[in-house]
PDB file of N, CA and C in Angstrom:
ATOM      1  N   MET A   1       0.825  -1.192   0.000  1.00  0.00           N
ATOM      2  CA  MET A   1       0.000   0.000   0.000  1.00  0.00           C
ATOM      3  C   MET A   1       0.869   1.255   0.000  1.00  0.00           C
ATOM      4  N   HIS A   2       1.882   1.282   0.858  1.00  0.00           N
ATOM      5  CA  HIS A   2       2.756   2.444   0.907  1.00  0.00           C
ATOM      6  C   HIS A   2       3.538   2.607  -0.393  1.00  0.00           C
ATOM      7  N   ASP A   3       3.961   1.478  -0.979  1.00  0.00           N
ATOM      8  CA  ASP A   3       4.693   1.532  -2.237  1.00  0.00           C
ATOM      9  C   ASP A   3       3.833   2.131  -3.341  1.00  0.00           C
ATOM     10  N   GLU A   4       2.563   1.744  -3.390  1.00  0.00           N
ATOM     11  CA  GLU A   4       1.656   2.257  -4.412  1.00  0.00           C
ATOM     12  C   GLU A   4       1.428   3.751  -4.228  1.00  0.00           C
ATOM     13  N   LEU A   5       1.253   4.184  -3.008  1.00  0.00           N
ATOM     14  CA  LEU A   5       1.050   5.609  -2.733  1.00  0.00           C
ATOM     15  C   LEU A   5       2.294   6.412  -3.101  1.00  0.00           C
ATOM     16  N   ALA A   6       3.450   5.921  -2.739  1.00  0.00           N
ATOM     17  CA  ALA A   6       4.695   6.615  -3.073  1.00  0.00           C
ATOM     18  C   ALA A   6       4.872   6.697  -4.587  1.00  0.00           C
ATOM     19  N   ALA A   7       4.569   5.604  -5.299  1.00  0.00           N
ATOM     20  CA  ALA A   7       4.690   5.608  -6.758  1.00  0.00           C
ATOM     21  C   ALA A   7       3.716   6.600  -7.381  1.00  0.00           C
ATOM     22  N   LEU A   8       2.509   6.688  -6.845  1.00  0.00           N
ATOM     23  CA  LEU A   8       1.526   7.642  -7.356  1.00  0.00           C
ATOM     24  C   LEU A   8       2.012   9.073  -7.161  1.00  0.00           C
ATOM     25  N   LEU A   9       2.542   9.380  -5.998  1.00  0.00           N
ATOM     26  CA  LEU A   9       3.038  10.728  -5.736  1.00  0.00           C
ATOM     27  C   LEU A   9       4.215  11.081  -6.638  1.00  0.00           C
ATOM     28  N   VAL A  10       5.104  10.140  -6.843  1.00  0.00           N
ATOM     29  CA  VAL A  10       6.250  10.367  -7.727  1.00  0.00           C
ATOM     30  C   VAL A  10       5.761  10.594  -9.154  1.00  0.00           C
ATOM     31  N   SER A  11       4.793   9.798  -9.578  1.00  0.00           N
ATOM     32  CA  SER A  11       4.248   9.931 -10.926  1.00  0.00           C
ATOM     33  C   SER A  11       3.565  11.278 -11.113  1.00  0.00           C
ATOM     34  N   ARG A  12       2.800  11.706 -10.133  1.00  0.00           N
ATOM     35  CA  ARG A  12       2.101  12.993 -10.216  1.00  0.00           C
ATOM     36  C   ARG A  12       3.076  14.161 -10.264  1.00  0.00           C
ATOM     37  N   ALA A  13       4.247  13.962  -9.698  1.00  0.00           N
ATOM     38  CA  ALA A  13       5.272  15.008  -9.718  1.00  0.00           C
ATOM     39  C   ALA A  13       6.009  15.041 -11.055  1.00  0.00           C
ATOM     40  N   GLY A  14       5.650  14.124 -11.960  1.00  0.00           N
ATOM     41  CA  GLY A  14       6.277  14.087 -13.272  1.00  0.00           C
ATOM     42  C   GLY A  14       7.619  13.395 -13.296  1.00  0.00           C
ATOM     43  N   LEU A  15       7.900  12.615 -12.278  1.00  0.00           N
ATOM     44  CA  LEU A  15       9.173  11.891 -12.200  1.00  0.00           C
ATOM     45  C   LEU A  15       8.965  10.434 -12.581  1.00  0.00           C
ATOM     46  N   ASP A  16      10.023   9.785 -12.980  1.00  0.00           N
ATOM     47  CA  ASP A  16       9.941   8.356 -13.246  1.00  0.00           C
ATOM     48  C   ASP A  16       9.821   7.623 -11.924  1.00  0.00           C
ATOM     49  N   PRO A  17       8.940   6.613 -11.861  1.00  0.00           N
ATOM     50  CA  PRO A  17       8.836   5.859 -10.610  1.00  0.00           C
ATOM     51  C   PRO A  17      10.120   5.099 -10.331  1.00  0.00           C
ATOM     52  N   PRO A  18      10.458   4.936  -9.072  1.00  0.00           N
ATOM     53  CA  PRO A  18      11.663   4.177  -8.724  1.00  0.00           C
ATOM     54  C   PRO A  18      11.518   2.715  -9.123  1.00  0.00           C
ATOM     55  N   ALA A  19      12.639   2.041  -9.230  1.00  0.00           N
ATOM     56  CA  ALA A  19      12.646   0.648  -9.685  1.00  0.00           C
ATOM     57  C   ALA A  19      11.781  -0.242  -8.798  1.00  0.00           C
ATOM     58  N   TRP A  20      11.780  -0.010  -7.469  1.00  0.00           N
ATOM     59  CA  TRP A  20      10.996  -0.870  -6.590  1.00  0.00           C
ATOM     60  C   TRP A  20       9.510  -0.732  -6.882  1.00  0.00           C
ATOM     61  N   ALA A  21       9.050   0.426  -7.346  1.00  0.00           N
ATOM     62  CA  ALA A  21       7.634   0.604  -7.659  1.00  0.00           C
ATOM     63  C   ALA A  21       7.263  -0.215  -8.889  1.00  0.00           C
ATOM     64  N   LEU A  22       8.112  -0.227  -9.895  1.00  0.00           N
ATOM     65  CA  LEU A  22       7.860  -1.028 -11.087  1.00  0.00           C
ATOM     66  C   LEU A  22       7.867  -2.509 -10.735  1.00  0.00           C
ATOM     67  N   GLU A  23       8.813  -2.921  -9.933  1.00  0.00           N
ATOM     68  CA  GLU A  23       8.872  -4.334  -9.548  1.00  0.00           C
ATOM     69  C   GLU A  23       7.617  -4.743  -8.792  1.00  0.00           C
ATOM     70  N   ALA A  24       7.129  -3.893  -7.911  1.00  0.00           N
ATOM     71  CA  ALA A  24       5.907  -4.201  -7.166  1.00  0.00           C
ATOM     72  C   ALA A  24       4.719  -4.345  -8.114  1.00  0.00           C
ATOM     73  N   ARG A  25       4.632  -3.482  -9.115  1.00  0.00           N
ATOM     74  CA  ARG A  25       3.540  -3.564 -10.083  1.00  0.00           C
ATOM     75  C   ARG A  25       3.632  -4.830 -10.919  1.00  0.00           C
ATOM     76  N   VAL A  26       4.826  -5.186 -11.336  1.00  0.00           N
ATOM     77  CA  VAL A  26       5.007  -6.406 -12.134  1.00  0.00           C
ATOM     78  C   VAL A  26       4.661  -7.629 -11.295  1.00  0.00           C
ATOM     79  N   ARG A  27       5.146  -7.672 -10.065  1.00  0.00           N
ATOM     80  CA  ARG A  27       4.837  -8.818  -9.192  1.00  0.00           C
ATOM     81  C   ARG A  27       3.336  -8.925  -8.946  1.00  0.00           C
ATOM     82  N   GLY A  28       2.666  -7.789  -8.776  1.00  0.00           N
ATOM     83  CA  GLY A  28       1.208  -7.795  -8.600  1.00  0.00           C
ATOM     84  C   GLY A  28       0.496  -8.336  -9.826  1.00  0.00           C
ATOM     85  N   ALA A  29       0.964  -7.933 -11.003  1.00  0.00           N
ATOM     86  CA  ALA A  29       0.364  -8.425 -12.243  1.00  0.00           C
ATOM     87  C   ALA A  29       0.564  -9.932 -12.380  1.00  0.00           C
ATOM     88  N   LEU A  30       1.754 -10.412 -12.036  1.00  0.00           N
ATOM     89  CA  LEU A  30       2.022 -11.847 -12.119  1.00  0.00           C
ATOM     90  C   LEU A  30       1.151 -12.621 -11.136  1.00  0.00           C
ATOM     91  N   GLU A  31       0.943 -12.077  -9.951  1.00  0.00           N
ATOM     92  CA  GLU A  31       0.081 -12.746  -8.974  1.00  0.00           C
ATOM     93  C   GLU A  31      -1.354 -12.840  -9.483  1.00  0.00           C
ATOM     94  N   SER A  32      -1.779 -11.834 -10.249  1.00  0.00           N
ATOM     95  CA  SER A  32      -3.162 -11.858 -10.750  1.00  0.00           C
ATOM     96  C   SER A  32      -3.362 -12.915 -11.840  1.00  0.00           C
ATOM     97  N   VAL A  33      -2.326 -13.262 -12.599  1.00  0.00           N
ATOM     98  CA  VAL A  33      -2.470 -14.275 -13.641  1.00  0.00           C
ATOM     99  C   VAL A  33      -2.031 -15.662 -13.184  1.00  0.00           C
ATOM    100  N   ARG A  34      -1.345 -15.731 -12.059  1.00  0.00           N
ATOM    101  CA  ARG A  34      -0.815 -17.015 -11.577  1.00  0.00           C
ATOM    102  C   ARG A  34      -1.906 -18.075 -11.378  1.00  0.00           C
ATOM    103  N   PRO A  35      -3.059 -17.768 -10.781  1.00  0.00           N
ATOM    104  CA  PRO A  35      -4.084 -18.815 -10.618  1.00  0.00           C
ATOM    105  C   PRO A  35      -4.533 -19.422 -11.951  1.00  0.00           C
ATOM    106  N   PHE A  36      -4.693 -18.604 -12.974  1.00  0.00           N
ATOM    107  CA  PHE A  36      -5.074 -19.115 -14.291  1.00  0.00           C
ATOM    108  C   PHE A  36      -3.995 -20.030 -14.836  1.00  0.00           C
ATOM    109  N   MET A  37      -2.753 -19.616 -14.723  1.00  0.00           N
ATOM    110  CA  MET A  37      -1.649 -20.431 -15.229  1.00  0.00           C
ATOM    111  C   MET A  37      -1.546 -21.752 -14.473  1.00  0.00           C
ATOM    112  N   GLU A  38      -1.750 -21.711 -13.161  1.00  0.00           N
ATOM    113  CA  GLU A  38      -1.670 -22.929 -12.357  1.00  0.00           C
ATOM    114  C   GLU A  38      -2.768 -23.921 -12.734  1.00  0.00           C
ATOM    115  N   ARG A  39      -3.950 -23.412 -13.063  1.00  0.00           N
ATOM    116  CA  ARG A  39      -5.039 -24.306 -13.487  1.00  0.00           C
ATOM    117  C   ARG A  39      -4.694 -25.029 -14.782  1.00  0.00           C
ATOM    118  N   HIS A  40      -3.777 -24.494 -15.549  1.00  0.00           N
ATOM    119  CA  HIS A  40      -3.367 -25.092 -16.820  1.00  0.00           C
ATOM    120  C   HIS A  40      -2.004 -25.776 -16.711  1.00  0.00           C
ATOM    121  N   GLY A  41      -1.533 -25.980 -15.487  1.00  0.00           N
ATOM    122  CA  GLY A  41      -0.291 -26.706 -15.273  1.00  0.00           C
ATOM    123  C   GLY A  41       0.967 -25.877 -15.425  1.00  0.00           C
ATOM    124  N   GLY A  42       0.845 -24.567 -15.358  1.00  0.00           N
ATOM    125  CA  GLY A  42       2.012 -23.714 -15.536  1.00  0.00           C
ATOM    126  C   GLY A  42       2.213 -22.749 -14.385  1.00  0.00           C
ATOM    127  N   ASP A  43       3.237 -21.946 -14.499  1.00  0.00           N
ATOM    128  CA  ASP A  43       3.536 -20.900 -13.527  1.00  0.00           C
ATOM    129  C   ASP A  43       4.475 -19.908 -14.211  1.00  0.00           C
ATOM    130  N   VAL A  44       4.756 -18.823 -13.527  1.00  0.00           N
ATOM    131  CA  VAL A  44       5.637 -17.794 -14.073  1.00  0.00           C
ATOM    132  C   VAL A  44       6.522 -17.276 -12.948  1.00  0.00           C
ATOM    133  N   GLU A  45       7.766 -16.983 -13.292  1.00  0.00           N
ATOM    134  CA  GLU A  45       8.742 -16.487 -12.315  1.00  0.00           C
ATOM    135  C   GLU A  45       9.376 -15.208 -12.873  1.00  0.00           C
ATOM    136  N   LEU A  46       9.479 -14.188 -12.039  1.00  0.00           N
ATOM    137  CA  LEU A  46      10.154 -12.955 -12.419  1.00  0.00           C
ATOM    138  C   LEU A  46      11.649 -13.150 -12.205  1.00  0.00           C
ATOM    139  N   LEU A  47      12.413 -13.079 -13.305  1.00  0.00           N
ATOM    140  CA  LEU A  47      13.863 -13.242 -13.215  1.00  0.00           C
ATOM    141  C   LEU A  47      14.560 -11.928 -12.908  1.00  0.00           C
ATOM    142  N   GLY A  48      13.992 -10.831 -13.389  1.00  0.00           N
ATOM    143  CA  GLY A  48      14.602  -9.540 -13.127  1.00  0.00           C
ATOM    144  C   GLY A  48      14.001  -8.450 -13.990  1.00  0.00           C
ATOM    145  N   LEU A  49      14.351  -7.228 -13.641  1.00  0.00           N
ATOM    146  CA  LEU A  49      13.926  -6.042 -14.382  1.00  0.00           C
ATOM    147  C   LEU A  49      15.163  -5.245 -14.740  1.00  0.00           C
ATOM    148  N   GLU A  50      15.229  -4.841 -15.997  1.00  0.00           N
ATOM    149  CA  GLU A  50      16.359  -4.025 -16.424  1.00  0.00           C
ATOM    150  C   GLU A  50      15.889  -3.090 -17.529  1.00  0.00           C
ATOM    151  N   GLY A  51      16.064  -1.804 -17.322  1.00  0.00           N
ATOM    152  CA  GLY A  51      15.670  -0.830 -18.325  1.00  0.00           C
ATOM    153  C   GLY A  51      14.183  -0.837 -18.608  1.00  0.00           C
ATOM    154  N   GLY A  52      13.384  -1.152 -17.606  1.00  0.00           N
ATOM    155  CA  GLY A  52      11.939  -1.195 -17.789  1.00  0.00           C
ATOM    156  C   GLY A  52      11.430  -2.447 -18.470  1.00  0.00           C
ATOM    157  N   VAL A  53      12.304  -3.437 -18.661  1.00  0.00           N
ATOM    158  CA  VAL A  53      11.926  -4.695 -19.305  1.00  0.00           C
ATOM    159  C   VAL A  53      11.946  -5.807 -18.265  1.00  0.00           C
ATOM    160  N   ALA A  54      10.844  -6.544 -18.181  1.00  0.00           N
ATOM    161  CA  ALA A  54      10.755  -7.665 -17.253  1.00  0.00           C
ATOM    162  C   ALA A  54      11.193  -8.934 -17.961  1.00  0.00           C
ATOM    163  N   ARG A  55      12.090  -9.673 -17.320  1.00  0.00           N
ATOM    164  CA  ARG A  55      12.488 -10.994 -17.819  1.00  0.00           C
ATOM    165  C   ARG A  55      11.747 -12.035 -17.005  1.00  0.00           C
ATOM    166  N   LEU A  56      11.016 -12.902 -17.697  1.00  0.00           N
ATOM    167  CA  LEU A  56      10.186 -13.903 -17.045  1.00  0.00           C
ATOM    168  C   LEU A  56      10.635 -15.298 -17.438  1.00  0.00           C
ATOM    169  N   ARG A  57      10.344 -16.242 -16.571  1.00  0.00           N
ATOM    170  CA  ARG A  57      10.539 -17.660 -16.901  1.00  0.00           C
ATOM    171  C   ARG A  57       9.158 -18.303 -16.789  1.00  0.00           C
ATOM    172  N   LEU A  58       8.712 -18.901 -17.882  1.00  0.00           N
ATOM    173  CA  LEU A  58       7.461 -19.653 -17.876  1.00  0.00           C
ATOM    174  C   LEU A  58       7.774 -21.077 -17.473  1.00  0.00           C
ATOM    175  N   LEU A  59       7.029 -21.588 -16.509  1.00  0.00           N
ATOM    176  CA  LEU A  59       7.307 -22.898 -15.929  1.00  0.00           C
ATOM    177  C   LEU A  59       6.150 -23.860 -16.157  1.00  0.00           C
ATOM    178  N   GLY A  60       6.433 -25.125 -16.105  1.00  0.00           N
ATOM    179  CA  GLY A  60       5.395 -26.144 -16.133  1.00  0.00           C
ATOM    180  C   GLY A  60       5.028 -26.599 -17.518  1.00  0.00           C
ATOM    181  N   THR A  61       3.820 -27.120 -17.606  1.00  0.00           N
ATOM    182  CA  THR A  61       3.354 -27.754 -18.832  1.00  0.00           C
ATOM    183  C   THR A  61       2.166 -27.023 -19.430  1.00  0.00           C
ATOM    184  N   CYS A  62       2.112 -25.740 -19.258  1.00  0.00           N
ATOM    185  CA  CYS A  62       0.998 -24.955 -19.796  1.00  0.00           C
ATOM    186  C   CYS A  62       0.938 -25.186 -21.304  1.00  0.00           C
ATOM    187  N   ASN A  63      -0.063 -25.919 -21.744  1.00  0.00           N
ATOM    188  CA  ASN A  63      -0.181 -26.296 -23.144  1.00  0.00           C
ATOM    189  C   ASN A  63      -1.499 -25.785 -23.708  1.00  0.00           C
ATOM    190  N   GLY A  64      -1.430 -25.060 -24.809  1.00  0.00           N
ATOM    191  CA  GLY A  64      -2.635 -24.568 -25.463  1.00  0.00           C
ATOM    192  C   GLY A  64      -3.127 -23.233 -24.935  1.00  0.00           C
ATOM    193  N   CYS A  65      -2.394 -22.599 -24.059  1.00  0.00           N
ATOM    194  CA  CYS A  65      -2.792 -21.282 -23.538  1.00  0.00           C
ATOM    195  C   CYS A  65      -2.556 -20.234 -24.609  1.00  0.00           C
ATOM    196  N   LYS A  66      -3.480 -19.324 -24.715  1.00  0.00           N
ATOM    197  CA  LYS A  66      -3.338 -18.229 -25.696  1.00  0.00           C
ATOM    198  C   LYS A  66      -3.592 -16.912 -25.049  1.00  0.00           C
TER     199      LYS A  66
END
């Protein structure tokens, strides 16, 4: 909650959000899709963030997902 508020304030000030704010948003997004992926035998892991690009590892046997 505090991270989201801090990121919002930084954004409103016209500054780029700090790296931890982007990572929190990416992790939140991954958590929201994880249940769907698990139902299909898969999962996802965040390997890292660099230059605003998320590197992910897709895990498991997720077959036929689109």
